[in-house]
Amino acid sequence: MDNRVSAGAAANAFERARFTGTASEYFGIWIVNVLLTIVTLGIYSAWAKVRRNRYFYGNTVLLGRSFEYHATGMQIFIGRLIVFAFLVVVNILAAIHPLFSLVTTILVLIALPWLIVRGIRFNARVTSYRNVRFDFTGSAGGAFVSVMLGSLVAVLSLGLLAPFASRWLNRYIFNNLRYGNRPFDTDPKLGALYGALVIPAVMGAVVVSALIAIIVVGIQASDASSVESDPLIFMVVSGMYLVVFGLIIIYGLAGLIYRAAVHNIVWSSTRIDGRHVLQSDLSRARYAWIAISNVVVTVLTLGLMRPWAAVRLARYVAEHTAIRIEGEIGEVLTQFEASGTAIGSEYMSMEGLDFGF
């Protein structure tokens, strides 16, 4: 009896992911990628992306097995080449006649949702876990509403409708994601998403208020420039630049806090096959600190600490991501593998190209 209880408890416990890579290992891959990309005038960047992703996927371990990345450098390179050629043609046409610019802009807006879908589908299909490929079944119409229209709504509402945009986007992605033939589904609640917006909204209000104050001070300083001394004007202008820089930092911090909170809400309301629950418990403050300090350290070391920063963030996110398998873990995973192998083999000829979206 006790053995059955302990086995059931173990089967229903959340199992956390791990990241096993190290900064020193990744530095070797990173420096070679950088040097070869420079020498080849950027051409090698496609193969550099493959090497980077294979390292990070291969070192992300869940339930004792790591993920795999199957894309090739040539797939990514050809996709980028097509996009580059398209942009060149667009610019040439725009230079010939302004009307062409309007037409090409409309064509880009029409093609963008399709490109977004192709990009998400490509990245899903070149990813596998336990020899089972992922897939994405979303439509271009869904991408238009959730990605393009959602972003527009968030911007035009000054962020007040950002939770709606976050919900549209994540429901579109997760509800169209498949692991083999097993569907994902998520339904993040608007109340929780608006709760995640409270702190960033307060920080945003501070930013707006400070910007208004800066504008007022700037106008007053300009009016007084004819009677005040040059050193005073210099001090005022210098102070304004410092304040603006600080406000940019606050704005970025607010975005990171909101991103971490939404990540937790969405992942923790996501299920696989209707019963296996995902979980994320990132600390918003810790996530923001890691992201910002990574940027600072990378800049101060002229990019040499970029591998350390990337590994540091990947390890933190992995360690705060978990899954709870309903049922006996070995049996469930065996069922996943059995049902997903045949489907995964079909994806080998369906991956297509990576257009970078």
Protein backbone atom coordinates (compact mmCIF):
# COMPACT_ATOMS: atom_id res chain seq x y z
CA MET A 1 0.00 0.00 0.00
CA ASP A 2 2.76 2.45 0.99
CA ASN A 3 4.66 1.74 -2.21
CA ARG A 4 1.59 2.47 -4.33
CA VAL A 5 0.99 5.76 -2.48
CA SER A 6 4.59 6.89 -2.83
CA ALA A 7 4.59 5.97 -6.53
CA GLY A 8 1.38 7.93 -7.07
CA ALA A 9 2.78 10.92 -5.23
CA ALA A 10 5.95 10.82 -7.30
CA ALA A 11 3.95 10.55 -10.50
CA ASN A 12 1.92 13.64 -9.57
CA ALA A 13 4.82 15.80 -8.41
CA PHE A 14 6.12 18.69 -10.48
CA GLU A 15 9.42 17.78 -12.12
CA ARG A 16 11.70 20.75 -12.79
CA ALA A 17 13.83 21.19 -15.88
CA ARG A 18 17.60 21.68 -15.65
CA PHE A 19 20.19 23.46 -17.74
CA THR A 20 23.48 21.58 -17.76
CA GLY A 21 25.58 23.88 -19.95
CA THR A 22 28.40 26.08 -18.67
CA ALA A 23 29.68 29.49 -19.70
CA SER A 24 33.16 28.13 -20.46
CA GLU A 25 31.76 25.47 -22.81
CA TYR A 26 29.52 27.90 -24.63
CA PHE A 27 32.30 30.50 -24.89
CA GLY A 28 34.21 28.15 -27.22
CA ILE A 29 31.16 27.82 -29.49
CA TRP A 30 30.33 31.51 -29.29
CA ILE A 31 33.80 32.86 -30.13
CA VAL A 32 34.13 30.57 -33.16
CA ASN A 33 30.66 31.65 -34.31
CA VAL A 34 31.57 35.32 -33.99
CA LEU A 35 34.91 35.01 -35.79
CA LEU A 36 33.54 32.94 -38.67
CA THR A 37 30.56 35.28 -39.04
CA ILE A 38 32.93 38.25 -39.33
CA VAL A 39 35.27 36.49 -41.76
CA THR A 40 32.39 35.40 -44.01
CA LEU A 41 30.72 38.84 -43.86
CA GLY A 42 27.70 37.45 -42.02
CA ILE A 43 27.07 34.38 -44.17
CA TYR A 44 28.12 31.97 -41.42
CA SER A 45 25.53 33.47 -39.02
CA ALA A 46 22.97 30.91 -40.24
CA TRP A 47 25.23 28.02 -39.23
CA ALA A 48 26.15 29.90 -36.04
CA LYS A 49 22.46 29.95 -35.09
CA VAL A 50 22.27 26.18 -35.57
CA ARG A 51 25.32 25.55 -33.38
CA ARG A 52 24.00 27.90 -30.69
CA ASN A 53 20.52 26.35 -30.63
CA ARG A 54 21.84 22.81 -30.61
CA TYR A 55 23.94 23.65 -27.58
CA PHE A 56 21.12 25.28 -25.61
CA TYR A 57 18.48 22.72 -26.61
CA GLY A 58 20.86 19.84 -25.93
CA ASN A 59 21.61 21.13 -22.44
CA THR A 60 17.99 21.73 -21.45
CA VAL A 61 17.01 18.55 -19.61
CA LEU A 62 13.50 17.52 -18.55
CA LEU A 63 12.68 14.19 -16.91
CA GLY A 64 16.17 12.95 -17.65
CA ARG A 65 16.17 13.70 -21.40
CA SER A 66 17.28 16.76 -23.34
CA PHE A 67 15.68 18.53 -26.28
CA GLU A 68 17.12 18.41 -29.79
CA TYR A 69 17.35 20.97 -32.61
CA HIS A 70 17.33 19.57 -36.14
CA ALA A 71 17.52 22.61 -38.44
CA THR A 72 20.45 22.98 -40.84
CA GLY A 73 22.42 26.08 -41.61
CA MET A 74 21.43 25.89 -45.28
CA GLN A 75 17.70 26.05 -44.43
CA ILE A 76 18.23 29.19 -42.39
CA PHE A 77 20.62 30.74 -44.93
CA ILE A 78 18.26 30.23 -47.89
CA GLY A 79 15.35 31.69 -45.91
CA ARG A 80 17.39 34.77 -45.01
CA LEU A 81 18.60 35.09 -48.60
CA ILE A 82 15.01 35.13 -49.88
CA VAL A 83 14.00 37.81 -47.35
CA PHE A 84 17.10 39.88 -48.20
CA ALA A 85 16.40 39.64 -51.94
CA PHE A 86 12.79 40.64 -51.36
CA LEU A 87 13.83 43.72 -49.37
CA VAL A 88 16.29 44.73 -52.10
CA VAL A 89 13.54 44.49 -54.75
CA VAL A 90 11.16 46.48 -52.53
CA ASN A 91 13.67 49.29 -52.10
CA ILE A 92 14.50 49.39 -55.81
CA LEU A 93 10.81 49.61 -56.71
CA ALA A 94 10.26 52.35 -54.11
CA ALA A 95 13.13 54.34 -55.64
CA ILE A 96 11.65 54.01 -59.14
CA HIS A 97 8.21 55.38 -58.25
CA PRO A 98 6.41 56.23 -54.96
CA LEU A 99 3.38 54.23 -56.06
CA PHE A 100 5.47 51.04 -56.02
CA SER A 101 6.32 51.80 -52.39
CA LEU A 102 2.64 51.80 -51.45
CA VAL A 103 2.01 48.55 -53.33
CA THR A 104 5.00 46.76 -51.79
CA THR A 105 4.00 47.96 -48.30
CA ILE A 106 0.56 46.42 -48.78
CA LEU A 107 2.13 43.19 -50.05
CA VAL A 108 4.43 43.04 -47.02
CA LEU A 109 1.48 43.48 -44.64
CA ILE A 110 -0.39 40.70 -46.45
CA ALA A 111 2.61 38.37 -46.46
CA LEU A 112 3.74 39.04 -42.87
CA PRO A 113 1.14 36.82 -41.12
CA TRP A 114 2.03 33.94 -43.45
CA LEU A 115 5.73 34.46 -42.74
CA ILE A 116 5.07 34.51 -38.99
CA VAL A 117 3.21 31.20 -39.22
CA ARG A 118 5.98 29.66 -41.31
CA GLY A 119 8.58 30.81 -38.79
CA ILE A 120 6.76 29.39 -35.77
CA ARG A 121 5.98 26.14 -37.60
CA PHE A 122 9.58 25.76 -38.74
CA ASN A 123 10.96 26.22 -35.22
CA ALA A 124 8.40 23.76 -33.83
CA ARG A 125 9.13 21.07 -36.39
CA VAL A 126 12.90 21.22 -36.03
CA THR A 127 12.55 20.71 -32.27
CA SER A 128 12.17 17.29 -30.70
CA TYR A 129 12.05 15.69 -27.28
CA ARG A 130 12.50 11.95 -26.78
CA ASN A 131 12.56 11.53 -30.60
CA VAL A 132 9.12 13.13 -30.96
CA ARG A 133 8.82 16.32 -33.01
CA PHE A 134 6.72 19.35 -32.17
CA ASP A 135 4.34 20.92 -34.67
CA PHE A 136 2.36 24.13 -35.11
CA THR A 137 -1.04 24.23 -36.83
CA GLY A 138 -1.91 27.93 -36.62
CA SER A 139 -3.27 29.87 -39.59
CA ALA A 140 -2.18 33.16 -41.17
CA GLY A 141 -5.51 34.69 -40.16
CA GLY A 142 -4.85 33.79 -36.55
CA ALA A 143 -1.38 35.32 -36.77
CA PHE A 144 -2.84 38.55 -38.16
CA VAL A 145 -5.30 38.88 -35.27
CA SER A 146 -3.10 37.72 -32.41
CA VAL A 147 0.27 39.13 -33.45
CA MET A 148 -0.29 42.15 -35.68
CA LEU A 149 -3.73 43.36 -34.51
CA GLY A 150 -2.93 42.51 -30.90
CA SER A 151 0.30 44.51 -30.99
CA LEU A 152 -1.54 47.46 -32.55
CA VAL A 153 -4.24 47.35 -29.86
CA ALA A 154 -1.62 47.28 -27.10
CA VAL A 155 0.25 50.26 -28.54
CA LEU A 156 -2.78 52.43 -29.34
CA SER A 157 -4.21 51.85 -25.85
CA LEU A 158 -0.87 52.94 -24.29
CA GLY A 159 -0.56 49.48 -22.75
CA LEU A 160 -3.98 49.43 -21.08
CA LEU A 161 -5.14 46.60 -23.35
CA ALA A 162 -1.80 44.78 -23.26
CA PRO A 163 -3.30 41.88 -21.23
CA PHE A 164 -5.80 41.27 -24.05
CA ALA A 165 -2.93 41.24 -26.56
CA SER A 166 -0.92 38.87 -24.34
CA ARG A 167 -3.87 36.53 -24.04
CA TRP A 168 -4.56 36.53 -27.80
CA LEU A 169 -0.92 35.88 -28.63
CA ASN A 170 -0.31 33.07 -26.15
CA ARG A 171 -3.61 31.33 -26.83
CA TYR A 172 -2.83 31.42 -30.53
CA ILE A 173 0.63 29.92 -30.06
CA PHE A 174 -0.05 27.30 -27.39
CA ASN A 175 -3.47 26.19 -28.60
CA ASN A 176 -1.97 25.45 -32.01
CA LEU A 177 1.13 23.73 -30.67
CA ARG A 178 1.46 19.94 -30.81
CA TYR A 179 3.85 17.43 -29.29
CA GLY A 180 3.59 14.60 -31.78
CA ASN A 181 -0.19 14.24 -31.99
CA ARG A 182 -0.81 15.52 -28.45
CA PRO A 183 -2.22 19.08 -28.29
CA PHE A 184 -1.25 21.90 -25.96
CA ASP A 185 -3.95 24.16 -24.59
CA THR A 186 -3.88 27.27 -22.43
CA ASP A 187 -6.43 29.74 -21.10
CA PRO A 188 -4.73 32.50 -19.11
CA LYS A 189 -7.28 34.57 -17.19
CA LEU A 190 -7.62 38.27 -17.94
CA GLY A 191 -7.84 39.07 -14.23
CA ALA A 192 -4.45 37.51 -13.60
CA LEU A 193 -2.93 39.26 -16.64
CA TYR A 194 -4.25 42.62 -15.46
CA GLY A 195 -2.83 41.84 -12.02
CA ALA A 196 0.55 41.39 -13.72
CA LEU A 197 0.15 44.85 -15.27
CA VAL A 198 -0.27 46.76 -11.99
CA ILE A 199 3.40 47.25 -11.09
CA PRO A 200 4.53 47.98 -14.68
CA ALA A 201 1.61 50.44 -15.04
CA VAL A 202 2.67 52.34 -11.93
CA MET A 203 6.24 52.45 -13.23
CA GLY A 204 4.94 53.62 -16.61
CA ALA A 205 2.95 56.40 -14.92
CA VAL A 206 6.14 57.54 -13.19
CA VAL A 207 7.92 57.59 -16.55
CA VAL A 208 5.16 59.67 -18.19
CA SER A 209 5.01 62.11 -15.27
CA ALA A 210 8.77 62.53 -15.30
CA LEU A 211 8.81 63.12 -19.05
CA ILE A 212 6.18 65.85 -18.67
CA ALA A 213 8.27 67.43 -15.92
CA ILE A 214 11.36 67.28 -18.15
CA ILE A 215 9.50 69.02 -20.97
CA VAL A 216 8.33 71.77 -18.61
CA VAL A 217 11.83 72.28 -17.19
CA GLY A 218 13.26 72.33 -20.70
CA ILE A 219 10.81 75.02 -21.78
CA GLN A 220 11.55 77.11 -18.70
CA ALA A 221 15.30 76.71 -19.23
CA SER A 222 14.91 77.77 -22.84
CA ASP A 223 12.94 80.88 -21.84
CA ALA A 224 15.55 81.77 -19.26
CA SER A 225 18.54 81.19 -21.55
CA SER A 226 18.79 84.87 -22.42
CA VAL A 227 19.23 85.96 -18.82
CA GLU A 228 20.83 82.99 -17.10
CA SER A 229 24.46 81.95 -17.32
CA ASP A 230 25.67 79.27 -19.72
CA PRO A 231 26.90 76.94 -16.90
CA LEU A 232 23.37 76.85 -15.47
CA ILE A 233 21.87 75.96 -18.84
CA PHE A 234 24.50 73.26 -19.28
CA MET A 235 23.67 71.78 -15.87
CA VAL A 236 19.94 71.76 -16.64
CA VAL A 237 20.41 70.11 -20.03
CA SER A 238 22.86 67.54 -18.61
CA GLY A 239 20.43 66.73 -15.83
CA MET A 240 17.64 66.25 -18.35
CA TYR A 241 19.73 63.75 -20.32
CA LEU A 242 20.52 61.80 -17.14
CA VAL A 243 16.87 61.72 -16.16
CA VAL A 244 15.83 60.54 -19.62
CA PHE A 245 18.44 57.76 -19.44
CA GLY A 246 17.10 56.72 -16.05
CA LEU A 247 13.55 56.70 -17.38
CA ILE A 248 14.57 54.41 -20.23
CA ILE A 249 15.98 52.00 -17.63
CA ILE A 250 12.73 52.15 -15.62
CA TYR A 251 10.65 51.58 -18.75
CA GLY A 252 12.76 48.55 -19.70
CA LEU A 253 12.51 47.23 -16.14
CA ALA A 254 8.71 47.54 -16.24
CA GLY A 255 8.63 45.55 -19.49
CA LEU A 256 10.77 42.79 -18.01
CA ILE A 257 8.60 42.57 -14.89
CA TYR A 258 5.46 42.29 -17.02
CA ARG A 259 7.07 39.69 -19.30
CA ALA A 260 8.08 37.46 -16.37
CA ALA A 261 4.62 37.69 -14.82
CA VAL A 262 2.85 36.85 -18.10
CA HIS A 263 5.26 33.96 -18.66
CA ASN A 264 4.32 32.51 -15.26
CA ILE A 265 0.59 32.96 -15.82
CA VAL A 266 0.55 31.48 -19.32
CA TRP A 267 2.80 28.51 -18.65
CA SER A 268 1.06 27.67 -15.38
CA SER A 269 -2.30 27.52 -17.18
CA THR A 270 -1.01 25.32 -20.01
CA ARG A 271 -1.69 21.60 -20.35
CA ILE A 272 -0.44 18.90 -22.71
CA ASP A 273 -2.98 16.35 -23.89
CA GLY A 274 -5.52 17.94 -21.55
CA ARG A 275 -3.98 16.59 -18.36
CA HIS A 276 -0.22 17.11 -18.04
CA VAL A 277 0.31 20.52 -16.42
CA LEU A 278 3.16 22.95 -17.00
CA GLN A 279 4.36 25.38 -14.36
CA SER A 280 6.57 28.47 -14.23
CA ASP A 281 7.48 30.35 -11.06
CA LEU A 282 9.98 32.98 -12.16
CA SER A 283 10.64 35.73 -9.64
CA ARG A 284 9.83 38.97 -11.47
CA ALA A 285 12.47 40.94 -9.59
CA ARG A 286 15.12 38.26 -10.03
CA TYR A 287 14.34 37.82 -13.75
CA ALA A 288 14.55 41.58 -14.35
CA TRP A 289 17.80 41.81 -12.39
CA ILE A 290 19.38 38.97 -14.38
CA ALA A 291 18.30 40.47 -17.71
CA ILE A 292 19.50 44.00 -16.91
CA SER A 293 22.75 42.97 -15.22
CA ASN A 294 23.47 40.68 -18.19
CA VAL A 295 23.24 43.67 -20.53
CA VAL A 296 25.44 45.83 -18.28
CA VAL A 297 28.12 43.17 -17.88
CA THR A 298 28.07 42.37 -21.61
CA VAL A 299 28.51 46.04 -22.53
CA LEU A 300 31.26 46.66 -19.95
CA THR A 301 33.24 43.63 -21.21
CA LEU A 302 32.75 44.60 -24.87
CA GLY A 303 30.67 41.47 -25.46
CA LEU A 304 33.13 38.94 -24.04
CA MET A 305 30.78 38.01 -21.18
CA ARG A 306 27.87 37.37 -23.54
CA PRO A 307 28.21 33.55 -23.20
CA TRP A 308 28.10 33.85 -19.41
CA ALA A 309 25.00 36.05 -19.62
CA ALA A 310 23.19 33.70 -22.03
CA VAL A 311 23.91 30.61 -19.91
CA ARG A 312 22.94 32.43 -16.72
CA LEU A 313 19.52 33.40 -18.08
CA ALA A 314 18.88 29.98 -19.66
CA ARG A 315 19.71 28.22 -16.40
CA TYR A 316 17.41 30.46 -14.36
CA VAL A 317 14.42 30.02 -16.71
CA ALA A 318 14.94 26.25 -16.95
CA GLU A 319 15.19 25.79 -13.19
CA HIS A 320 11.90 27.61 -12.71
CA THR A 321 10.00 25.61 -15.32
CA ALA A 322 8.34 22.31 -14.44
CA ILE A 323 5.82 19.72 -15.61
CA ARG A 324 3.49 17.41 -13.71
CA ILE A 325 2.73 14.13 -15.47
CA GLU A 326 -0.63 12.59 -14.62
CA GLY A 327 -0.11 8.86 -14.39
CA GLU A 328 3.00 6.68 -14.32
CA ILE A 329 5.76 8.75 -15.95
CA GLY A 330 7.48 5.93 -17.81
CA GLU A 331 4.22 4.64 -19.25
CA VAL A 332 3.04 8.09 -20.34
CA LEU A 333 6.33 8.95 -22.04
CA THR A 334 6.35 5.60 -23.81
CA GLN A 335 2.88 6.38 -25.18
CA PHE A 336 4.09 9.78 -26.35
CA GLU A 337 7.03 8.22 -28.16
CA ALA A 338 4.94 5.51 -29.77
CA SER A 339 2.29 7.91 -31.08
CA GLY A 340 4.71 10.63 -32.12
CA THR A 341 7.43 8.72 -33.97
CA ALA A 342 5.45 8.19 -37.17
CA ILE A 343 4.35 11.81 -37.28
CA GLY A 344 7.88 13.02 -36.59
CA SER A 345 9.28 11.11 -39.53
CA GLU A 346 6.89 12.95 -41.85
CA TYR A 347 8.23 16.32 -40.71
CA MET A 348 11.67 15.55 -42.12
CA SER A 349 10.44 16.53 -45.58
CA MET A 350 8.08 19.28 -44.40
CA GLU A 351 10.32 21.58 -42.35
CA GLY A 352 10.78 24.13 -45.13
CA LEU A 353 12.86 27.24 -44.62
CA ASP A 354 13.41 29.64 -41.74
CA PHE A 355 12.47 33.17 -42.80
CA GLY A 356 13.53 34.65 -39.47
CA PHE A 357 10.02 35.46 -38.20
